[in-house]
PDB file of N, CA and C in Angstrom:
ATOM      1  N   UNK A   1       9.603  17.485  12.741  1.00  0.00           N
ATOM      2  CA  UNK A   1      10.030  15.872  12.511  1.00  0.00           C
ATOM      3  C   UNK A   1      11.500  16.198  12.031  1.00  0.00           C
ATOM      4  N   UNK A   2      12.391  15.143  12.568  1.00  0.00           N
ATOM      5  CA  UNK A   2      13.937  15.025  11.902  1.00  0.00           C
ATOM      6  C   UNK A   2      13.612  14.169  10.878  1.00  0.00           C
ATOM      7  N   UNK A   3      15.124  14.918  10.361  1.00  0.00           N
ATOM      8  CA  UNK A   3      15.086  14.019   8.947  1.00  0.00           C
ATOM      9  C   UNK A   3      15.214  12.587   9.081  1.00  0.00           C
ATOM     10  N   UNK A   4      15.900  12.229   9.643  1.00  0.00           N
ATOM     11  CA  UNK A   4      15.821  10.468  10.143  1.00  0.00           C
ATOM     12  C   UNK A   4      14.587   9.953  10.122  1.00  0.00           C
ATOM     13  N   UNK A   5      13.612  10.765  11.053  1.00  0.00           N
ATOM     14  CA  UNK A   5      12.118  10.093  11.085  1.00  0.00           C
ATOM     15  C   UNK A   5      11.391  10.192   9.476  1.00  0.00           C
ATOM     16  N   UNK A   6      11.663  11.140   8.893  1.00  0.00           N
ATOM     17  CA  UNK A   6      11.149  11.469   7.715  1.00  0.00           C
ATOM     18  C   UNK A   6      11.529  10.664   6.230  1.00  0.00           C
ATOM     19  N   UNK A   7      12.988  10.309   6.524  1.00  0.00           N
ATOM     20  CA  UNK A   7      13.323   9.263   5.766  1.00  0.00           C
ATOM     21  C   UNK A   7      12.856   8.120   5.910  1.00  0.00           C
ATOM     22  N   UNK A   8      12.759   7.433   7.121  1.00  0.00           N
ATOM     23  CA  UNK A   8      12.024   6.578   7.531  1.00  0.00           C
ATOM     24  C   UNK A   8      10.743   6.459   6.902  1.00  0.00           C
ATOM     25  N   UNK A   9       9.751   6.974   7.008  1.00  0.00           N
ATOM     26  CA  UNK A   9       8.624   7.351   6.799  1.00  0.00           C
ATOM     27  C   UNK A   9       8.533   6.686   5.008  1.00  0.00           C
ATOM     28  N   UNK A  10       9.144   7.785   4.460  1.00  0.00           N
ATOM     29  CA  UNK A  10       9.494   7.621   2.993  1.00  0.00           C
ATOM     30  C   UNK A  10      10.047   6.333   2.613  1.00  0.00           C
ATOM     31  N   UNK A  11      11.107   5.904   3.171  1.00  0.00           N
ATOM     32  CA  UNK A  11      11.487   4.738   3.133  1.00  0.00           C
ATOM     33  C   UNK A  11      10.298   3.321   3.056  1.00  0.00           C
ATOM     34  N   UNK A  12       9.411   3.330   4.190  1.00  0.00           N
ATOM     35  CA  UNK A  12       8.477   2.887   4.135  1.00  0.00           C
ATOM     36  C   UNK A  12       7.164   2.883   3.414  1.00  0.00           C
ATOM     37  N   UNK A  13       6.832   3.953   2.840  1.00  0.00           N
ATOM     38  CA  UNK A  13       5.911   4.429   1.624  1.00  0.00           C
ATOM     39  C   UNK A  13       6.724   3.669   0.314  1.00  0.00           C
ATOM     40  N   UNK A  14       7.933   3.489   0.021  1.00  0.00           N
ATOM     41  CA  UNK A  14       8.601   3.012  -1.447  1.00  0.00           C
ATOM     42  C   UNK A  14       8.086   1.624  -0.632  1.00  0.00           C
ATOM     43  N   UNK A  15       8.363   0.843   0.335  1.00  0.00           N
ATOM     44  CA  UNK A  15       8.266  -0.805   0.674  1.00  0.00           C
ATOM     45  C   UNK A  15       7.050  -1.172   0.495  1.00  0.00           C
ATOM     46  N   UNK A  16       5.864  -0.266   0.596  1.00  0.00           N
ATOM     47  CA  UNK A  16       4.477  -0.364   0.894  1.00  0.00           C
ATOM     48  C   UNK A  16       3.807  -0.357  -0.738  1.00  0.00           C
ATOM     49  N   UNK A  17       4.154   0.837  -1.379  1.00  0.00           N
ATOM     50  CA  UNK A  17       3.921   0.819  -2.476  1.00  0.00           C
ATOM     51  C   UNK A  17       4.243  -0.408  -3.338  1.00  0.00           C
ATOM     52  N   UNK A  18       5.625  -0.915  -3.352  1.00  0.00           N
ATOM     53  CA  UNK A  18       6.180  -2.234  -4.031  1.00  0.00           C
ATOM     54  C   UNK A  18       5.110  -3.492  -3.638  1.00  0.00           C
ATOM     55  N   UNK A  19       4.950  -3.398  -2.481  1.00  0.00           N
ATOM     56  CA  UNK A  19       4.140  -4.824  -2.162  1.00  0.00           C
ATOM     57  C   UNK A  19       2.438  -4.519  -2.674  1.00  0.00           C
ATOM     58  N   UNK A  20       1.893  -3.151  -2.854  1.00  0.00           N
ATOM     59  CA  UNK A  20       0.843  -2.883  -3.499  1.00  0.00           C
ATOM     60  C   UNK A  20       0.690  -3.069  -4.801  1.00  0.00           C
ATOM     61  N   UNK A  21       2.225  -2.788  -5.885  1.00  0.00           N
ATOM     62  CA  UNK A  21       2.013  -3.392  -7.217  1.00  0.00           C
ATOM     63  C   UNK A  21       2.420  -4.981  -7.324  1.00  0.00           C
ATOM     64  N   UNK A  22       2.896  -5.660  -6.389  1.00  0.00           N
ATOM     65  CA  UNK A  22       2.902  -6.737  -6.175  1.00  0.00           C
ATOM     66  C   UNK A  22       1.952  -7.537  -6.140  1.00  0.00           C
ATOM     67  N   UNK A  23       1.056  -7.125  -5.448  1.00  0.00           N
ATOM     68  CA  UNK A  23      -0.235  -7.686  -4.993  1.00  0.00           C
ATOM     69  C   UNK A  23      -1.236  -7.374  -6.438  1.00  0.00           C
ATOM     70  N   UNK A  24      -1.407  -6.403  -6.865  1.00  0.00           N
ATOM     71  CA  UNK A  24      -1.939  -5.775  -8.170  1.00  0.00           C
ATOM     72  C   UNK A  24      -1.582  -6.977  -9.542  1.00  0.00           C
ATOM     73  N   UNK A  25      -0.258  -7.659  -9.397  1.00  0.00           N
ATOM     74  CA  UNK A  25       0.122  -8.207 -10.315  1.00  0.00           C
ATOM     75  C   UNK A  25      -0.396  -9.584  -9.769  1.00  0.00           C
ATOM     76  N   UNK A  26      -0.466 -10.092  -8.948  1.00  0.00           N
ATOM     77  CA  UNK A  26      -0.832 -11.316  -8.384  1.00  0.00           C
ATOM     78  C   UNK A  26      -2.617 -11.189  -8.766  1.00  0.00           C
ATOM     79  N   UNK A  27      -3.134 -10.292  -8.600  1.00  0.00           N
ATOM     80  CA  UNK A  27      -4.613 -10.197  -8.423  1.00  0.00           C
ATOM     81  C   UNK A  27      -4.552 -10.244  -9.793  1.00  0.00           C
ATOM     82  N   UNK A  28      -4.075  -9.728 -10.562  1.00  0.00           N
ATOM     83  CA  UNK A  28      -4.614  -9.445 -12.409  1.00  0.00           C
ATOM     84  C   UNK A  28      -4.132 -11.065 -12.648  1.00  0.00           C
ATOM     85  N   UNK A  29      -3.069 -11.647 -12.780  1.00  0.00           N
ATOM     86  CA  UNK A  29      -3.134 -13.116 -12.742  1.00  0.00           C
ATOM     87  C   UNK A  29      -3.789 -13.788 -12.394  1.00  0.00           C
ATOM     88  N   UNK A  30      -4.418 -13.581 -10.983  1.00  0.00           N
ATOM     89  CA  UNK A  30      -5.409 -14.971 -10.921  1.00  0.00           C
ATOM     90  C   UNK A  30      -6.689 -14.584 -11.579  1.00  0.00           C
ATOM     91  N   UNK A  31      -6.928 -13.554 -11.744  1.00  0.00           N
ATOM     92  CA  UNK A  31      -8.374 -13.076 -12.145  1.00  0.00           C
ATOM     93  C   UNK A  31      -8.382 -13.726 -13.546  1.00  0.00           C
ATOM     94  N   UNK A  32      -7.131 -14.060 -14.522  1.00  0.00           N
ATOM     95  CA  UNK A  32      -7.390 -14.423 -15.753  1.00  0.00           C
ATOM     96  C   UNK A  32      -6.935 -16.061 -15.720  1.00  0.00           C
ATOM     97  N   UNK A  33      -7.439 -16.576 -14.832  1.00  0.00           N
ATOM     98  CA  UNK A  33      -7.406 -18.142 -14.695  1.00  0.00           C
ATOM     99  C   UNK A  33      -9.021 -18.694 -14.957  1.00  0.00           C
ATOM    100  N   UNK A  34      -8.425 -20.150 -15.277  1.00  0.00           N
ATOM    101  CA  UNK A  34      -9.941 -20.260 -15.448  1.00  0.00           C
ATOM    102  C   UNK A  34     -10.993 -20.544 -14.085  1.00  0.00           C
ATOM    103  N   UNK A  35     -10.400 -20.757 -13.215  1.00  0.00           N
ATOM    104  CA  UNK A  35     -10.926 -20.785 -11.975  1.00  0.00           C
ATOM    105  C   UNK A  35     -10.385 -20.127 -10.693  1.00  0.00           C
ATOM    106  N   UNK A  36     -10.731 -18.814 -10.944  1.00  0.00           N
ATOM    107  CA  UNK A  36      -9.998 -18.166 -10.044  1.00  0.00           C
ATOM    108  C   UNK A  36     -10.046 -18.517  -8.409  1.00  0.00           C
ATOM    109  N   UNK A  37      -9.452 -18.369  -7.267  1.00  0.00           N
ATOM    110  CA  UNK A  37      -9.846 -18.477  -6.067  1.00  0.00           C
ATOM    111  C   UNK A  37     -10.835 -17.492  -5.091  1.00  0.00           C
ATOM    112  N   UNK A  38     -11.481 -17.429  -5.208  1.00  0.00           N
ATOM    113  CA  UNK A  38     -12.005 -16.339  -4.501  1.00  0.00           C
ATOM    114  C   UNK A  38     -12.221 -16.062  -3.213  1.00  0.00           C
ATOM    115  N   UNK A  39     -11.829 -17.060  -2.563  1.00  0.00           N
ATOM    116  CA  UNK A  39     -11.208 -16.287  -0.779  1.00  0.00           C
ATOM    117  C   UNK A  39     -10.236 -15.777  -0.915  1.00  0.00           C
ATOM    118  N   UNK A  40      -9.228 -16.394  -1.726  1.00  0.00           N
ATOM    119  CA  UNK A  40      -7.931 -15.611  -1.624  1.00  0.00           C
ATOM    120  C   UNK A  40      -7.810 -14.359  -2.677  1.00  0.00           C
ATOM    121  N   UNK A  41      -8.764 -14.326  -3.841  1.00  0.00           N
ATOM    122  CA  UNK A  41      -8.668 -13.013  -4.380  1.00  0.00           C
ATOM    123  C   UNK A  41      -9.045 -12.031  -3.264  1.00  0.00           C
ATOM    124  N   UNK A  42     -10.256 -12.424  -2.381  1.00  0.00           N
ATOM    125  CA  UNK A  42     -11.079 -11.163  -1.548  1.00  0.00           C
ATOM    126  C   UNK A  42      -9.765 -11.056  -0.351  1.00  0.00           C
ATOM    127  N   UNK A  43      -8.971 -11.930  -0.037  1.00  0.00           N
ATOM    128  CA  UNK A  43      -8.091 -11.257   0.985  1.00  0.00           C
ATOM    129  C   UNK A  43      -7.061 -10.455   0.407  1.00  0.00           C
ATOM    130  N   UNK A  44      -6.788 -11.106  -0.530  1.00  0.00           N
ATOM    131  CA  UNK A  44      -5.721 -10.226  -1.574  1.00  0.00           C
ATOM    132  C   UNK A  44      -5.849  -8.740  -1.868  1.00  0.00           C
ATOM    133  N   UNK A  45      -7.224  -8.797  -2.195  1.00  0.00           N
ATOM    134  CA  UNK A  45      -8.055  -7.205  -2.371  1.00  0.00           C
ATOM    135  C   UNK A  45      -8.108  -6.696  -1.489  1.00  0.00           C
ATOM    136  N   UNK A  46      -8.656  -7.191   0.035  1.00  0.00           N
ATOM    137  CA  UNK A  46      -8.378  -6.503   1.157  1.00  0.00           C
ATOM    138  C   UNK A  46      -7.180  -6.014   1.569  1.00  0.00           C
ATOM    139  N   UNK A  47      -6.008  -6.806   1.341  1.00  0.00           N
ATOM    140  CA  UNK A  47      -5.034  -6.116   2.178  1.00  0.00           C
ATOM    141  C   UNK A  47      -4.133  -4.866   0.958  1.00  0.00           C
ATOM    142  N   UNK A  48      -4.286  -5.026  -0.388  1.00  0.00           N
ATOM    143  CA  UNK A  48      -4.067  -3.977  -1.119  1.00  0.00           C
ATOM    144  C   UNK A  48      -4.661  -2.686  -0.910  1.00  0.00           C
ATOM    145  N   UNK A  49      -6.234  -2.781  -0.160  1.00  0.00           N
ATOM    146  CA  UNK A  49      -6.584  -1.854   0.387  1.00  0.00           C
ATOM    147  C   UNK A  49      -6.178  -1.177   1.540  1.00  0.00           C
ATOM    148  N   UNK A  50      -5.961  -2.262   2.733  1.00  0.00           N
ATOM    149  CA  UNK A  50      -5.139  -1.750   3.556  1.00  0.00           C
ATOM    150  C   UNK A  50      -3.857  -1.262   3.350  1.00  0.00           C
ATOM    151  N   UNK A  51      -3.081  -1.485   2.570  1.00  0.00           N
ATOM    152  CA  UNK A  51      -1.474  -0.716   2.181  1.00  0.00           C
ATOM    153  C   UNK A  51      -1.987   0.643   1.614  1.00  0.00           C
ATOM    154  N   UNK A  52      -3.156   0.570   0.869  1.00  0.00           N
ATOM    155  CA  UNK A  52      -3.378   1.925   0.106  1.00  0.00           C
ATOM    156  C   UNK A  52      -3.496   2.653   1.080  1.00  0.00           C
ATOM    157  N   UNK A  53      -4.581   2.395   2.110  1.00  0.00           N
ATOM    158  CA  UNK A  53      -4.827   3.780   3.208  1.00  0.00           C
ATOM    159  C   UNK A  53      -3.571   3.744   4.026  1.00  0.00           C
ATOM    160  N   UNK A  54      -2.642   2.644   4.151  1.00  0.00           N
ATOM    161  CA  UNK A  54      -1.579   2.801   4.802  1.00  0.00           C
ATOM    162  C   UNK A  54      -0.611   3.766   4.680  1.00  0.00           C
ATOM    163  N   UNK A  55      -0.244   3.570   3.018  1.00  0.00           N
ATOM    164  CA  UNK A  55       0.362   4.700   2.249  1.00  0.00           C
ATOM    165  C   UNK A  55      -0.162   6.131   2.684  1.00  0.00           C
ATOM    166  N   UNK A  56      -1.725   6.471   2.365  1.00  0.00           N
ATOM    167  CA  UNK A  56      -2.132   7.564   2.929  1.00  0.00           C
ATOM    168  C   UNK A  56      -1.444   8.160   3.625  1.00  0.00           C
ATOM    169  N   UNK A  57      -2.022   7.382   4.980  1.00  0.00           N
ATOM    170  CA  UNK A  57      -1.571   7.932   6.505  1.00  0.00           C
ATOM    171  C   UNK A  57      -0.351   8.475   6.545  1.00  0.00           C
ATOM    172  N   UNK A  58       0.607   7.567   5.902  1.00  0.00           N
ATOM    173  CA  UNK A  58       1.919   7.819   5.822  1.00  0.00           C
ATOM    174  C   UNK A  58       2.638   9.549   5.209  1.00  0.00           C
ATOM    175  N   UNK A  59       1.940   9.402   4.058  1.00  0.00           N
ATOM    176  CA  UNK A  59       1.769  10.448   3.421  1.00  0.00           C
ATOM    177  C   UNK A  59       1.812  11.546   3.830  1.00  0.00           C
ATOM    178  N   UNK A  60       0.576  11.881   4.747  1.00  0.00           N
ATOM    179  CA  UNK A  60      -0.121  12.592   5.572  1.00  0.00           C
ATOM    180  C   UNK A  60       0.618  12.964   6.464  1.00  0.00           C
ATOM    181  N   UNK A  61       1.690  12.280   6.878  1.00  0.00           N
ATOM    182  CA  UNK A  61       2.528  12.508   8.189  1.00  0.00           C
ATOM    183  C   UNK A  61       3.432  13.297   7.604  1.00  0.00           C
ATOM    184  N   UNK A  62       4.173  13.138   6.301  1.00  0.00           N
ATOM    185  CA  UNK A  62       4.988  13.735   5.508  1.00  0.00           C
ATOM    186  C   UNK A  62       4.751  15.700   5.655  1.00  0.00           C
ATOM    187  N   UNK A  63       3.494  15.661   5.143  1.00  0.00           N
ATOM    188  CA  UNK A  63       3.002  16.920   5.194  1.00  0.00           C
ATOM    189  C   UNK A  63       3.104  17.970   6.528  1.00  0.00           C
ATOM    190  N   UNK A  64       3.595  18.897   6.770  1.00  0.00           N
ATOM    191  CA  UNK A  64       3.755  20.036   7.524  1.00  0.00           C
ATOM    192  C   UNK A  64       2.535  20.368   8.218  1.00  0.00           C
ATOM    193  N   UNK A  65       2.072  20.725   9.382  1.00  0.00           N
ATOM    194  CA  UNK A  65       1.123  21.048   9.934  1.00  0.00           C
ATOM    195  C   UNK A  65       0.911  22.831   9.445  1.00  0.00           C
ATOM    196  N   UNK A  66      -0.004  23.244   8.835  1.00  0.00           N
ATOM    197  CA  UNK A  66       0.177  24.757   8.503  1.00  0.00           C
ATOM    198  C   UNK A  66      -1.408  25.084   9.791  1.00  0.00           C
ATOM    199  N   UNK A  67      -0.871  26.192  10.407  1.00  0.00           N
ATOM    200  CA  UNK A  67      -1.606  26.925  11.383  1.00  0.00           C
ATOM    201  C   UNK A  67      -2.625  27.731  10.356  1.00  0.00           C
ATOM    202  N   UNK A  68      -4.024  27.243  11.015  1.00  0.00           N
ATOM    203  CA  UNK A  68      -5.265  28.161  10.243  1.00  0.00           C
ATOM    204  C   UNK A  68      -5.261  29.641  10.542  1.00  0.00           C
TER     205      UNK A  68
END
């Protein structure tokens, strides 16, 4: 893996982690409301899980392959 490719992955991970934190904050605010919009909450939570999965996949790409 070239250094540029590794840096691109690391940069993307940071972007996704920021979006994940932002979604967490939005979800927190929405759940404190009087009548939270359930459909929108479900969509935000689903997106948050997708981000978490994508972050995990990218982090796994940074780990070098170790022969067994």
